[in-house]
């Protein structure tokens, strides 16, 4: 424990915050892509239903 400096109180939360931000960005992209795919599937189903 003697090896820990006060910079750990800045560095560790900063790294965690960066990880949360990166996860938020990647997660929002994945959710947006999944939503777009679902909309496309619904449109394809509706067009098939109307054509038959």
PDB file of N, CA and C in Angstrom:
ATOM      1  N   UNK A   1       0.812  -1.204   0.000  1.00  0.00           N
ATOM      2  CA  UNK A   1       0.000   0.000   0.000  1.00  0.00           C
ATOM      3  C   UNK A   1       0.850   1.260   0.000  1.00  0.00           C
ATOM      4  N   UNK A   2       2.068   1.159   0.454  1.00  0.00           N
ATOM      5  CA  UNK A   2       2.916   2.345   0.519  1.00  0.00           C
ATOM      6  C   UNK A   2       3.284   2.845  -0.873  1.00  0.00           C
ATOM      7  N   UNK A   3       3.182   1.979  -1.897  1.00  0.00           N
ATOM      8  CA  UNK A   3       3.547   2.362  -3.248  1.00  0.00           C
ATOM      9  C   UNK A   3       2.494   3.202  -3.946  1.00  0.00           C
ATOM     10  N   UNK A   4       1.290   3.260  -3.392  1.00  0.00           N
ATOM     11  CA  UNK A   4       0.226   4.029  -4.037  1.00  0.00           C
ATOM     12  C   UNK A   4       0.395   5.516  -3.760  1.00  0.00           C
ATOM     13  N   UNK A   5       0.299   6.285  -4.825  1.00  0.00           N
ATOM     14  CA  UNK A   5       0.401   7.734  -4.665  1.00  0.00           C
ATOM     15  C   UNK A   5      -0.990   8.350  -4.794  1.00  0.00           C
ATOM     16  N   UNK A   6      -1.064   9.629  -4.567  1.00  0.00           N
ATOM     17  CA  UNK A   6      -2.357  10.317  -4.663  1.00  0.00           C
ATOM     18  C   UNK A   6      -2.860  10.384  -6.098  1.00  0.00           C
ATOM     19  N   UNK A   7      -1.989  10.147  -7.062  1.00  0.00           N
ATOM     20  CA  UNK A   7      -2.428  10.183  -8.460  1.00  0.00           C
ATOM     21  C   UNK A   7      -3.394   9.048  -8.778  1.00  0.00           C
ATOM     22  N   UNK A   8      -3.407   7.994  -7.975  1.00  0.00           N
ATOM     23  CA  UNK A   8      -4.357   6.898  -8.188  1.00  0.00           C
ATOM     24  C   UNK A   8      -5.797   7.385  -8.018  1.00  0.00           C
ATOM     25  N   UNK A   9      -6.000   8.367  -7.165  1.00  0.00           N
ATOM     26  CA  UNK A   9      -7.352   8.883  -6.939  1.00  0.00           C
ATOM     27  C   UNK A   9      -7.859   9.668  -8.151  1.00  0.00           C
ATOM     28  N   UNK A  10      -6.949  10.082  -9.017  1.00  0.00           N
ATOM     29  CA  UNK A  10      -7.331  10.766 -10.256  1.00  0.00           C
ATOM     30  C   UNK A  10      -7.349   9.777 -11.418  1.00  0.00           C
ATOM     31  N   UNK A  11      -6.304   8.954 -11.517  1.00  0.00           N
ATOM     32  CA  UNK A  11      -6.113   8.079 -12.665  1.00  0.00           C
ATOM     33  C   UNK A  11      -7.184   6.992 -12.748  1.00  0.00           C
ATOM     34  N   UNK A  12      -7.461   6.296 -11.665  1.00  0.00           N
ATOM     35  CA  UNK A  12      -8.407   5.179 -11.697  1.00  0.00           C
ATOM     36  C   UNK A  12      -9.822   5.645 -12.053  1.00  0.00           C
ATOM     37  N   UNK A  13     -10.384   6.667 -11.423  1.00  0.00           N
ATOM     38  CA  UNK A  13     -11.712   7.128 -11.857  1.00  0.00           C
ATOM     39  C   UNK A  13     -11.720   7.651 -13.291  1.00  0.00           C
ATOM     40  N   UNK A  14     -10.629   8.260 -13.733  1.00  0.00           N
ATOM     41  CA  UNK A  14     -10.563   8.746 -15.111  1.00  0.00           C
ATOM     42  C   UNK A  14     -10.625   7.584 -16.089  1.00  0.00           C
ATOM     43  N   UNK A  15      -9.906   6.522 -15.810  1.00  0.00           N
ATOM     44  CA  UNK A  15      -9.922   5.343 -16.677  1.00  0.00           C
ATOM     45  C   UNK A  15     -11.316   4.710 -16.670  1.00  0.00           C
ATOM     46  N   UNK A  16     -11.943   4.635 -15.519  1.00  0.00           N
ATOM     47  CA  UNK A  16     -13.298   4.087 -15.449  1.00  0.00           C
ATOM     48  C   UNK A  16     -14.282   4.943 -16.237  1.00  0.00           C
ATOM     49  N   UNK A  17     -14.153   6.251 -16.127  1.00  0.00           N
ATOM     50  CA  UNK A  17     -15.038   7.153 -16.855  1.00  0.00           C
ATOM     51  C   UNK A  17     -14.851   7.012 -18.367  1.00  0.00           C
ATOM     52  N   UNK A  18     -13.618   6.896 -18.801  1.00  0.00           N
ATOM     53  CA  UNK A  18     -13.348   6.696 -20.230  1.00  0.00           C
ATOM     54  C   UNK A  18     -13.967   5.383 -20.702  1.00  0.00           C
ATOM     55  N   UNK A  19     -13.858   4.337 -19.885  1.00  0.00           N
ATOM     56  CA  UNK A  19     -14.461   3.052 -20.234  1.00  0.00           C
ATOM     57  C   UNK A  19     -15.972   3.134 -20.334  1.00  0.00           C
ATOM     58  N   UNK A  20     -16.598   3.873 -19.438  1.00  0.00           N
ATOM     59  CA  UNK A  20     -18.061   4.043 -19.484  1.00  0.00           C
ATOM     60  C   UNK A  20     -18.467   4.798 -20.745  1.00  0.00           C
ATOM     61  N   UNK A  21     -17.723   5.835 -21.085  1.00  0.00           N
ATOM     62  CA  UNK A  21     -18.043   6.622 -22.283  1.00  0.00           C
ATOM     63  C   UNK A  21     -17.898   5.768 -23.538  1.00  0.00           C
ATOM     64  N   UNK A  22     -16.823   5.012 -23.641  1.00  0.00           N
ATOM     65  CA  UNK A  22     -16.621   4.147 -24.804  1.00  0.00           C
ATOM     66  C   UNK A  22     -17.725   3.103 -24.881  1.00  0.00           C
ATOM     67  N   UNK A  23     -18.085   2.506 -23.755  1.00  0.00           N
ATOM     68  CA  UNK A  23     -19.171   1.534 -23.732  1.00  0.00           C
ATOM     69  C   UNK A  23     -20.496   2.146 -24.127  1.00  0.00           C
ATOM     70  N   UNK A  24     -20.740   3.363 -23.684  1.00  0.00           N
ATOM     71  CA  UNK A  24     -21.991   4.065 -24.022  1.00  0.00           C
ATOM     72  C   UNK A  24     -22.074   4.302 -25.530  1.00  0.00           C
ATOM     73  N   UNK A  25     -20.977   4.750 -26.116  1.00  0.00           N
ATOM     74  CA  UNK A  25     -20.957   5.034 -27.554  1.00  0.00           C
ATOM     75  C   UNK A  25     -21.164   3.754 -28.353  1.00  0.00           C
ATOM     76  N   UNK A  26     -20.418   2.707 -28.018  1.00  0.00           N
ATOM     77  CA  UNK A  26     -20.543   1.454 -28.761  1.00  0.00           C
ATOM     78  C   UNK A  26     -21.920   0.827 -28.559  1.00  0.00           C
ATOM     79  N   UNK A  27     -22.455   0.912 -27.365  1.00  0.00           N
ATOM     80  CA  UNK A  27     -23.781   0.365 -27.094  1.00  0.00           C
ATOM     81  C   UNK A  27     -24.873   1.113 -27.825  1.00  0.00           C
ATOM     82  N   UNK A  28     -24.755   2.430 -27.898  1.00  0.00           N
ATOM     83  CA  UNK A  28     -25.781   3.197 -28.612  1.00  0.00           C
ATOM     84  C   UNK A  28     -25.727   2.915 -30.105  1.00  0.00           C
ATOM     85  N   UNK A  29     -24.537   2.708 -30.632  1.00  0.00           N
ATOM     86  CA  UNK A  29     -24.425   2.351 -32.051  1.00  0.00           C
ATOM     87  C   UNK A  29     -25.072   0.995 -32.309  1.00  0.00           C
ATOM     88  N   UNK A  30     -24.808   0.036 -31.450  1.00  0.00           N
ATOM     89  CA  UNK A  30     -25.378  -1.303 -31.625  1.00  0.00           C
ATOM     90  C   UNK A  30     -26.895  -1.261 -31.521  1.00  0.00           C
ATOM     91  N   UNK A  31     -27.416  -0.490 -30.587  1.00  0.00           N
ATOM     92  CA  UNK A  31     -28.865  -0.384 -30.430  1.00  0.00           C
ATOM     93  C   UNK A  31     -29.488   0.302 -31.648  1.00  0.00           C
ATOM     94  N   UNK A  32     -28.845   1.335 -32.156  1.00  0.00           N
ATOM     95  CA  UNK A  32     -29.360   2.031 -33.328  1.00  0.00           C
ATOM     96  C   UNK A  32     -29.368   1.114 -34.552  1.00  0.00           C
ATOM     97  N   UNK A  33     -28.299   0.333 -34.717  1.00  0.00           N
ATOM     98  CA  UNK A  33     -28.240  -0.614 -35.836  1.00  0.00           C
ATOM     99  C   UNK A  33     -29.307  -1.689 -35.708  1.00  0.00           C
ATOM    100  N   UNK A  34     -29.508  -2.207 -34.505  1.00  0.00           N
ATOM    101  CA  UNK A  34     -30.533  -3.238 -34.292  1.00  0.00           C
ATOM    102  C   UNK A  34     -31.919  -2.674 -34.580  1.00  0.00           C
ATOM    103  N   UNK A  35     -32.156  -1.439 -34.194  1.00  0.00           N
ATOM    104  CA  UNK A  35     -33.453  -0.807 -34.450  1.00  0.00           C
ATOM    105  C   UNK A  35     -33.672  -0.629 -35.947  1.00  0.00           C
ATOM    106  N   UNK A  36     -32.634  -0.223 -36.665  1.00  0.00           N
ATOM    107  CA  UNK A  36     -32.743  -0.037 -38.116  1.00  0.00           C
ATOM    108  C   UNK A  36     -33.022  -1.368 -38.810  1.00  0.00           C
ATOM    109  N   UNK A  37     -32.378  -2.430 -38.366  1.00  0.00           N
ATOM    110  CA  UNK A  37     -32.612  -3.753 -38.949  1.00  0.00           C
ATOM    111  C   UNK A  37     -34.047  -4.190 -38.692  1.00  0.00           C
ATOM    112  N   UNK A  38     -34.541  -3.939 -37.490  1.00  0.00           N
ATOM    113  CA  UNK A  38     -35.926  -4.315 -37.173  1.00  0.00           C
ATOM    114  C   UNK A  38     -36.917  -3.539 -38.033  1.00  0.00           C
ATOM    115  N   UNK A  39     -36.688  -2.262 -38.239  1.00  0.00           N
ATOM    116  CA  UNK A  39     -37.568  -1.469 -39.106  1.00  0.00           C
ATOM    117  C   UNK A  39     -37.554  -2.010 -40.538  1.00  0.00           C
ATOM    118  N   UNK A  40     -36.365  -2.371 -41.013  1.00  0.00           N
ATOM    119  CA  UNK A  40     -36.254  -2.911 -42.364  1.00  0.00           C
ATOM    120  C   UNK A  40     -37.022  -4.225 -42.478  1.00  0.00           C
ATOM    121  N   UNK A  41     -36.917  -5.081 -41.469  1.00  0.00           N
ATOM    122  CA  UNK A  41     -37.653  -6.346 -41.483  1.00  0.00           C
ATOM    123  C   UNK A  41     -39.157  -6.107 -41.505  1.00  0.00           C
ATOM    124  N   UNK A  42     -39.613  -5.157 -40.718  1.00  0.00           N
ATOM    125  CA  UNK A  42     -41.054  -4.854 -40.694  1.00  0.00           C
ATOM    126  C   UNK A  42     -41.532  -4.340 -42.049  1.00  0.00           C
ATOM    127  N   UNK A  43     -40.734  -3.483 -42.685  1.00  0.00           N
ATOM    128  CA  UNK A  43     -41.111  -2.982 -44.005  1.00  0.00           C
ATOM    129  C   UNK A  43     -41.160  -4.108 -45.027  1.00  0.00           C
ATOM    130  N   UNK A  44     -40.192  -5.030 -44.965  1.00  0.00           N
ATOM    131  CA  UNK A  44     -40.172  -6.150 -45.901  1.00  0.00           C
ATOM    132  C   UNK A  44     -41.389  -7.049 -45.685  1.00  0.00           C
ATOM    133  N   UNK A  45     -41.735  -7.304 -44.430  1.00  0.00           N
ATOM    134  CA  UNK A  45     -42.910  -8.126 -44.132  1.00  0.00           C
ATOM    135  C   UNK A  45     -44.186  -7.451 -44.632  1.00  0.00           C
ATOM    136  N   UNK A  46     -44.274  -6.147 -44.431  1.00  0.00           N
ATOM    137  CA  UNK A  46     -45.468  -5.418 -44.873  1.00  0.00           C
ATOM    138  C   UNK A  46     -45.576  -5.433 -46.391  1.00  0.00           C
ATOM    139  N   UNK A  47     -44.474  -5.291 -47.087  1.00  0.00           N
ATOM    140  CA  UNK A  47     -44.513  -5.290 -48.551  1.00  0.00           C
ATOM    141  C   UNK A  47     -44.865  -6.689 -49.077  1.00  0.00           C
ATOM    142  N   UNK A  48     -44.374  -7.729 -48.405  1.00  0.00           N
ATOM    143  CA  UNK A  48     -44.742  -9.093 -48.817  1.00  0.00           C
ATOM    144  C   UNK A  48     -46.217  -9.358 -48.571  1.00  0.00           C
ATOM    145  N   UNK A  49     -46.706  -8.850 -47.449  1.00  0.00           N
ATOM    146  CA  UNK A  49     -48.104  -9.067 -47.109  1.00  0.00           C
ATOM    147  C   UNK A  49     -49.024  -8.354 -48.090  1.00  0.00           C
ATOM    148  N   UNK A  50     -48.641  -7.158 -48.506  1.00  0.00           N
ATOM    149  CA  UNK A  50     -49.467  -6.383 -49.440  1.00  0.00           C
ATOM    150  C   UNK A  50     -49.421  -6.947 -50.855  1.00  0.00           C
ATOM    151  N   UNK A  51     -48.294  -7.566 -51.219  1.00  0.00           N
ATOM    152  CA  UNK A  51     -48.176  -8.071 -52.582  1.00  0.00           C
ATOM    153  C   UNK A  51     -48.876  -9.416 -52.776  1.00  0.00           C
ATOM    154  N   UNK A  52     -49.138 -10.126 -51.698  1.00  0.00           N
ATOM    155  CA  UNK A  52     -49.794 -11.438 -51.864  1.00  0.00           C
ATOM    156  C   UNK A  52     -51.271 -11.411 -51.592  1.00  0.00           C
TER     157      UNK A  52
END
